Amino acid sequence: MNLTIMVLGMAVVTFAVKAGMFILGERVAFPPLLREGLSFVPVTVLTAIVVPMVLSPHNAGLELTWRNPQLVAAVAAIAVSLIFRRQLLTIVAALAVFFTWQLGVLG
């Protein structure tokens, strides 16, 4: 029951914030410093989600070894991204490395 109330509460808060911004529209203007700060939110949220999954995929402490396919794929993705600067190529290369490592090397 508590979990249901918590999820419903989060849904109400999320809806209220988004609906409020949609309804108010252009009548509310954020200062430039706040707008600049908000532009970093997607990057920080994605980083907060991805980094723990890469460094500790089984929630049993850090796995900084070559036997961690998430870490190997992340390093490959960083390298491909720095060299080619192509988003789709980075995704494809990281997935290829991950599945090759997971199925081939560790399989």
N, C-alpha and C. Protein backbone atom coordinates (compact mmCIF):
# COMPACT_ATOMS: atom_id res chain seq x y z
N MET A 1 0.82 -1.20 0.00
CA MET A 1 0.00 0.00 0.00
C MET A 1 0.87 1.26 0.00
N ASN A 2 1.94 1.25 0.83
CA ASN A 2 2.81 2.42 0.89
C ASN A 2 3.49 2.68 -0.45
N LEU A 3 3.87 1.61 -1.13
CA LEU A 3 4.51 1.76 -2.43
C LEU A 3 3.55 2.39 -3.44
N THR A 4 2.30 1.98 -3.41
CA THR A 4 1.30 2.54 -4.32
C THR A 4 1.09 4.02 -4.05
N ILE A 5 1.01 4.39 -2.80
CA ILE A 5 0.83 5.80 -2.44
C ILE A 5 2.04 6.61 -2.87
N MET A 6 3.24 6.05 -2.70
CA MET A 6 4.45 6.75 -3.10
C MET A 6 4.48 6.97 -4.61
N VAL A 7 4.16 5.94 -5.38
CA VAL A 7 4.17 6.06 -6.85
C VAL A 7 3.11 7.07 -7.30
N LEU A 8 1.93 6.99 -6.73
CA LEU A 8 0.87 7.95 -7.08
C LEU A 8 1.28 9.37 -6.71
N GLY A 9 1.92 9.53 -5.57
CA GLY A 9 2.40 10.86 -5.17
C GLY A 9 3.42 11.41 -6.14
N MET A 10 4.35 10.57 -6.59
CA MET A 10 5.35 11.01 -7.56
C MET A 10 4.69 11.37 -8.89
N ALA A 11 3.67 10.61 -9.28
CA ALA A 11 2.96 10.90 -10.53
C ALA A 11 2.23 12.24 -10.43
N VAL A 12 1.61 12.50 -9.30
CA VAL A 12 0.89 13.77 -9.12
C VAL A 12 1.86 14.95 -9.16
N VAL A 13 2.99 14.82 -8.47
CA VAL A 13 3.97 15.91 -8.47
C VAL A 13 4.53 16.15 -9.87
N THR A 14 4.86 15.07 -10.56
CA THR A 14 5.39 15.20 -11.92
C THR A 14 4.36 15.85 -12.84
N PHE A 15 3.12 15.40 -12.77
CA PHE A 15 2.07 15.98 -13.59
C PHE A 15 1.85 17.45 -13.26
N ALA A 16 1.85 17.80 -11.98
CA ALA A 16 1.63 19.18 -11.58
C ALA A 16 2.72 20.10 -12.11
N VAL A 17 3.97 19.66 -12.02
CA VAL A 17 5.08 20.49 -12.51
C VAL A 17 4.98 20.68 -14.02
N LYS A 18 4.76 19.58 -14.74
CA LYS A 18 4.70 19.68 -16.21
C LYS A 18 3.46 20.44 -16.66
N ALA A 19 2.33 20.20 -16.03
CA ALA A 19 1.11 20.91 -16.41
C ALA A 19 1.24 22.40 -16.09
N GLY A 20 1.85 22.71 -14.96
CA GLY A 20 2.04 24.11 -14.60
C GLY A 20 2.87 24.86 -15.62
N MET A 21 3.95 24.23 -16.07
CA MET A 21 4.80 24.88 -17.08
C MET A 21 4.07 24.99 -18.41
N PHE A 22 3.26 24.00 -18.74
CA PHE A 22 2.51 24.03 -20.00
C PHE A 22 1.44 25.11 -19.96
N ILE A 23 0.73 25.21 -18.85
CA ILE A 23 -0.36 26.19 -18.73
C ILE A 23 0.17 27.61 -18.67
N LEU A 24 1.25 27.83 -17.90
CA LEU A 24 1.80 29.17 -17.77
C LEU A 24 2.54 29.61 -19.03
N GLY A 25 3.16 28.68 -19.70
CA GLY A 25 3.82 28.96 -20.98
C GLY A 25 4.80 30.10 -20.92
N GLU A 26 4.60 31.07 -21.79
CA GLU A 26 5.53 32.20 -21.95
C GLU A 26 5.37 33.25 -20.86
N ARG A 27 4.36 33.12 -20.03
CA ARG A 27 4.16 34.13 -18.98
C ARG A 27 5.22 34.05 -17.90
N VAL A 28 5.90 32.92 -17.81
CA VAL A 28 6.97 32.76 -16.84
C VAL A 28 8.29 32.73 -17.59
N ALA A 29 9.18 33.62 -17.21
CA ALA A 29 10.49 33.68 -17.85
C ALA A 29 11.56 33.36 -16.81
N PHE A 30 12.37 32.37 -17.11
CA PHE A 30 13.46 32.02 -16.22
C PHE A 30 14.64 32.95 -16.46
N PRO A 31 15.38 33.28 -15.41
CA PRO A 31 16.60 34.07 -15.61
C PRO A 31 17.61 33.27 -16.43
N PRO A 32 18.48 33.95 -17.15
CA PRO A 32 19.45 33.25 -18.00
C PRO A 32 20.32 32.25 -17.25
N LEU A 33 20.71 32.57 -16.02
CA LEU A 33 21.55 31.67 -15.25
C LEU A 33 20.80 30.37 -14.93
N LEU A 34 19.53 30.46 -14.59
CA LEU A 34 18.72 29.27 -14.32
C LEU A 34 18.52 28.45 -15.59
N ARG A 35 18.25 29.11 -16.71
CA ARG A 35 18.10 28.39 -17.98
C ARG A 35 19.37 27.65 -18.34
N GLU A 36 20.51 28.30 -18.12
CA GLU A 36 21.78 27.63 -18.42
C GLU A 36 22.00 26.44 -17.49
N GLY A 37 21.66 26.59 -16.23
CA GLY A 37 21.79 25.49 -15.29
C GLY A 37 20.87 24.33 -15.63
N LEU A 38 19.65 24.62 -16.05
CA LEU A 38 18.71 23.58 -16.41
C LEU A 38 19.12 22.83 -17.67
N SER A 39 19.93 23.46 -18.50
CA SER A 39 20.37 22.78 -19.73
C SER A 39 21.28 21.59 -19.43
N PHE A 40 21.86 21.54 -18.23
CA PHE A 40 22.75 20.44 -17.85
C PHE A 40 22.01 19.28 -17.20
N VAL A 41 20.74 19.44 -16.91
CA VAL A 41 19.98 18.39 -16.21
C VAL A 41 19.95 17.07 -16.97
N PRO A 42 19.63 17.03 -18.27
CA PRO A 42 19.59 15.74 -18.96
C PRO A 42 20.92 14.98 -18.91
N VAL A 43 22.02 15.68 -19.07
CA VAL A 43 23.33 15.04 -19.05
C VAL A 43 23.62 14.47 -17.66
N THR A 44 23.31 15.22 -16.62
CA THR A 44 23.61 14.74 -15.27
C THR A 44 22.70 13.58 -14.88
N VAL A 45 21.45 13.61 -15.30
CA VAL A 45 20.54 12.51 -14.98
C VAL A 45 20.99 11.24 -15.71
N LEU A 46 21.33 11.35 -16.97
CA LEU A 46 21.79 10.19 -17.72
C LEU A 46 23.08 9.62 -17.12
N THR A 47 23.98 10.50 -16.72
CA THR A 47 25.22 10.05 -16.09
C THR A 47 24.93 9.34 -14.77
N ALA A 48 24.02 9.88 -13.99
CA ALA A 48 23.67 9.27 -12.70
C ALA A 48 23.03 7.90 -12.88
N ILE A 49 22.39 7.66 -14.00
CA ILE A 49 21.77 6.36 -14.26
C ILE A 49 22.80 5.37 -14.81
N VAL A 50 23.62 5.82 -15.75
CA VAL A 50 24.52 4.91 -16.47
C VAL A 50 25.75 4.51 -15.66
N VAL A 51 26.40 5.43 -14.99
CA VAL A 51 27.67 5.14 -14.32
C VAL A 51 27.54 4.03 -13.28
N PRO A 52 26.55 4.04 -12.38
CA PRO A 52 26.45 2.92 -11.44
C PRO A 52 26.21 1.58 -12.13
N MET A 53 25.45 1.58 -13.23
CA MET A 53 25.19 0.33 -13.95
C MET A 53 26.46 -0.19 -14.63
N VAL A 54 27.33 0.70 -15.03
CA VAL A 54 28.58 0.29 -15.70
C VAL A 54 29.61 -0.20 -14.68
N LEU A 55 29.75 0.53 -13.59
CA LEU A 55 30.80 0.21 -12.62
C LEU A 55 30.41 -0.90 -11.65
N SER A 56 29.11 -1.07 -11.41
CA SER A 56 28.66 -2.10 -10.47
C SER A 56 27.40 -2.77 -11.02
N PRO A 57 27.55 -3.59 -12.06
CA PRO A 57 26.38 -4.15 -12.73
C PRO A 57 25.57 -5.14 -11.88
N HIS A 58 26.19 -5.73 -10.88
CA HIS A 58 25.48 -6.71 -10.06
C HIS A 58 25.22 -6.20 -8.65
N ASN A 59 25.40 -4.91 -8.43
CA ASN A 59 25.19 -4.27 -7.12
C ASN A 59 25.98 -4.94 -6.01
N ALA A 60 27.16 -5.41 -6.34
CA ALA A 60 28.00 -6.08 -5.35
C ALA A 60 29.35 -5.39 -5.25
N GLY A 61 29.37 -4.09 -5.33
CA GLY A 61 30.62 -3.36 -5.29
C GLY A 61 31.16 -3.11 -6.69
N LEU A 62 32.26 -2.40 -6.75
CA LEU A 62 32.86 -2.06 -8.04
C LEU A 62 33.40 -3.30 -8.74
N GLU A 63 33.15 -3.38 -10.03
CA GLU A 63 33.70 -4.45 -10.86
C GLU A 63 34.58 -3.82 -11.93
N LEU A 64 35.76 -3.44 -11.55
CA LEU A 64 36.69 -2.79 -12.48
C LEU A 64 37.65 -3.81 -13.07
N THR A 65 37.08 -4.80 -13.75
CA THR A 65 37.89 -5.85 -14.37
C THR A 65 37.51 -5.99 -15.84
N TRP A 66 38.34 -6.71 -16.57
CA TRP A 66 38.05 -6.96 -17.98
C TRP A 66 36.87 -7.91 -18.15
N ARG A 67 36.43 -8.55 -17.08
CA ARG A 67 35.30 -9.48 -17.14
C ARG A 67 33.95 -8.76 -17.01
N ASN A 68 33.96 -7.45 -16.90
CA ASN A 68 32.74 -6.65 -16.82
C ASN A 68 32.40 -6.14 -18.22
N PRO A 69 31.44 -6.78 -18.92
CA PRO A 69 31.16 -6.37 -20.30
C PRO A 69 30.59 -4.95 -20.41
N GLN A 70 29.89 -4.49 -19.39
CA GLN A 70 29.37 -3.12 -19.42
C GLN A 70 30.51 -2.11 -19.41
N LEU A 71 31.52 -2.38 -18.60
CA LEU A 71 32.67 -1.47 -18.53
C LEU A 71 33.47 -1.49 -19.82
N VAL A 72 33.69 -2.67 -20.38
CA VAL A 72 34.44 -2.78 -21.64
C VAL A 72 33.70 -2.05 -22.76
N ALA A 73 32.38 -2.23 -22.83
CA ALA A 73 31.57 -1.55 -23.86
C ALA A 73 31.56 -0.04 -23.64
N ALA A 74 31.52 0.39 -22.39
CA ALA A 74 31.53 1.84 -22.11
C ALA A 74 32.85 2.47 -22.54
N VAL A 75 33.95 1.78 -22.27
CA VAL A 75 35.26 2.29 -22.70
C VAL A 75 35.33 2.34 -24.22
N ALA A 76 34.82 1.31 -24.88
CA ALA A 76 34.79 1.30 -26.35
C ALA A 76 33.92 2.43 -26.88
N ALA A 77 32.78 2.66 -26.23
CA ALA A 77 31.88 3.74 -26.67
C ALA A 77 32.55 5.10 -26.52
N ILE A 78 33.27 5.30 -25.43
CA ILE A 78 33.97 6.57 -25.24
C ILE A 78 35.03 6.75 -26.32
N ALA A 79 35.77 5.70 -26.62
CA ALA A 79 36.81 5.79 -27.65
C ALA A 79 36.22 6.09 -29.03
N VAL A 80 35.16 5.36 -29.40
CA VAL A 80 34.53 5.57 -30.71
C VAL A 80 33.95 6.98 -30.79
N SER A 81 33.34 7.43 -29.70
CA SER A 81 32.75 8.77 -29.69
C SER A 81 33.81 9.86 -29.84
N LEU A 82 34.94 9.68 -29.16
CA LEU A 82 36.00 10.68 -29.26
C LEU A 82 36.65 10.69 -30.65
N ILE A 83 36.75 9.53 -31.26
CA ILE A 83 37.42 9.45 -32.57
C ILE A 83 36.49 9.93 -33.69
N PHE A 84 35.26 9.40 -33.73
CA PHE A 84 34.39 9.63 -34.88
C PHE A 84 33.31 10.70 -34.66
N ARG A 85 32.92 10.93 -33.41
CA ARG A 85 31.88 11.90 -33.08
C ARG A 85 30.58 11.65 -33.85
N ARG A 86 30.19 10.39 -33.94
CA ARG A 86 28.95 9.96 -34.59
C ARG A 86 28.13 9.17 -33.58
N GLN A 87 26.96 9.67 -33.23
CA GLN A 87 26.16 9.06 -32.18
C GLN A 87 25.72 7.64 -32.51
N LEU A 88 25.19 7.44 -33.71
CA LEU A 88 24.71 6.11 -34.08
C LEU A 88 25.86 5.11 -34.15
N LEU A 89 26.99 5.52 -34.68
CA LEU A 89 28.16 4.64 -34.74
C LEU A 89 28.62 4.27 -33.33
N THR A 90 28.58 5.22 -32.42
CA THR A 90 28.96 4.95 -31.04
C THR A 90 28.04 3.92 -30.41
N ILE A 91 26.74 4.05 -30.61
CA ILE A 91 25.77 3.11 -30.05
C ILE A 91 25.98 1.71 -30.64
N VAL A 92 26.12 1.64 -31.95
CA VAL A 92 26.30 0.34 -32.61
C VAL A 92 27.59 -0.32 -32.16
N ALA A 93 28.67 0.46 -32.08
CA ALA A 93 29.95 -0.11 -31.66
C ALA A 93 29.88 -0.60 -30.21
N ALA A 94 29.27 0.18 -29.34
CA ALA A 94 29.16 -0.23 -27.94
C ALA A 94 28.32 -1.49 -27.79
N LEU A 95 27.22 -1.57 -28.50
CA LEU A 95 26.39 -2.78 -28.44
C LEU A 95 27.14 -3.98 -29.00
N ALA A 96 27.87 -3.78 -30.10
CA ALA A 96 28.63 -4.89 -30.68
C ALA A 96 29.70 -5.39 -29.72
N VAL A 97 30.41 -4.47 -29.09
CA VAL A 97 31.43 -4.86 -28.13
C VAL A 97 30.79 -5.56 -26.93
N PHE A 98 29.70 -5.01 -26.43
CA PHE A 98 29.03 -5.60 -25.27
C PHE A 98 28.60 -7.03 -25.54
N PHE A 99 27.87 -7.24 -26.64
CA PHE A 99 27.35 -8.58 -26.92
C PHE A 99 28.48 -9.54 -27.30
N THR A 100 29.48 -9.07 -28.02
CA THR A 100 30.62 -9.93 -28.34
C THR A 100 31.35 -10.34 -27.05
N TRP A 101 31.53 -9.39 -26.17
CA TRP A 101 32.21 -9.67 -24.91
C TRP A 101 31.38 -10.60 -24.04
N GLN A 102 30.08 -10.33 -23.97
CA GLN A 102 29.19 -11.12 -23.11
C GLN A 102 29.06 -12.55 -23.63
N LEU A 103 28.85 -12.69 -24.94
CA LEU A 103 28.59 -14.01 -25.51
C LEU A 103 29.85 -14.74 -25.95
N GLY A 104 30.84 -13.97 -26.43
CA GLY A 104 32.03 -14.61 -26.98
C GLY A 104 33.12 -14.83 -25.96
N VAL A 105 33.53 -13.77 -25.31
CA VAL A 105 34.67 -13.86 -24.39
C VAL A 105 34.28 -14.54 -23.09
N LEU A 106 33.14 -14.14 -22.55
CA LEU A 106 32.72 -14.68 -21.26
C LEU A 106 31.80 -15.89 -21.37
N GLY A 107 31.26 -16.09 -22.60
CA GLY A 107 30.28 -17.14 -22.84
C GLY A 107 30.79 -18.49 -22.52
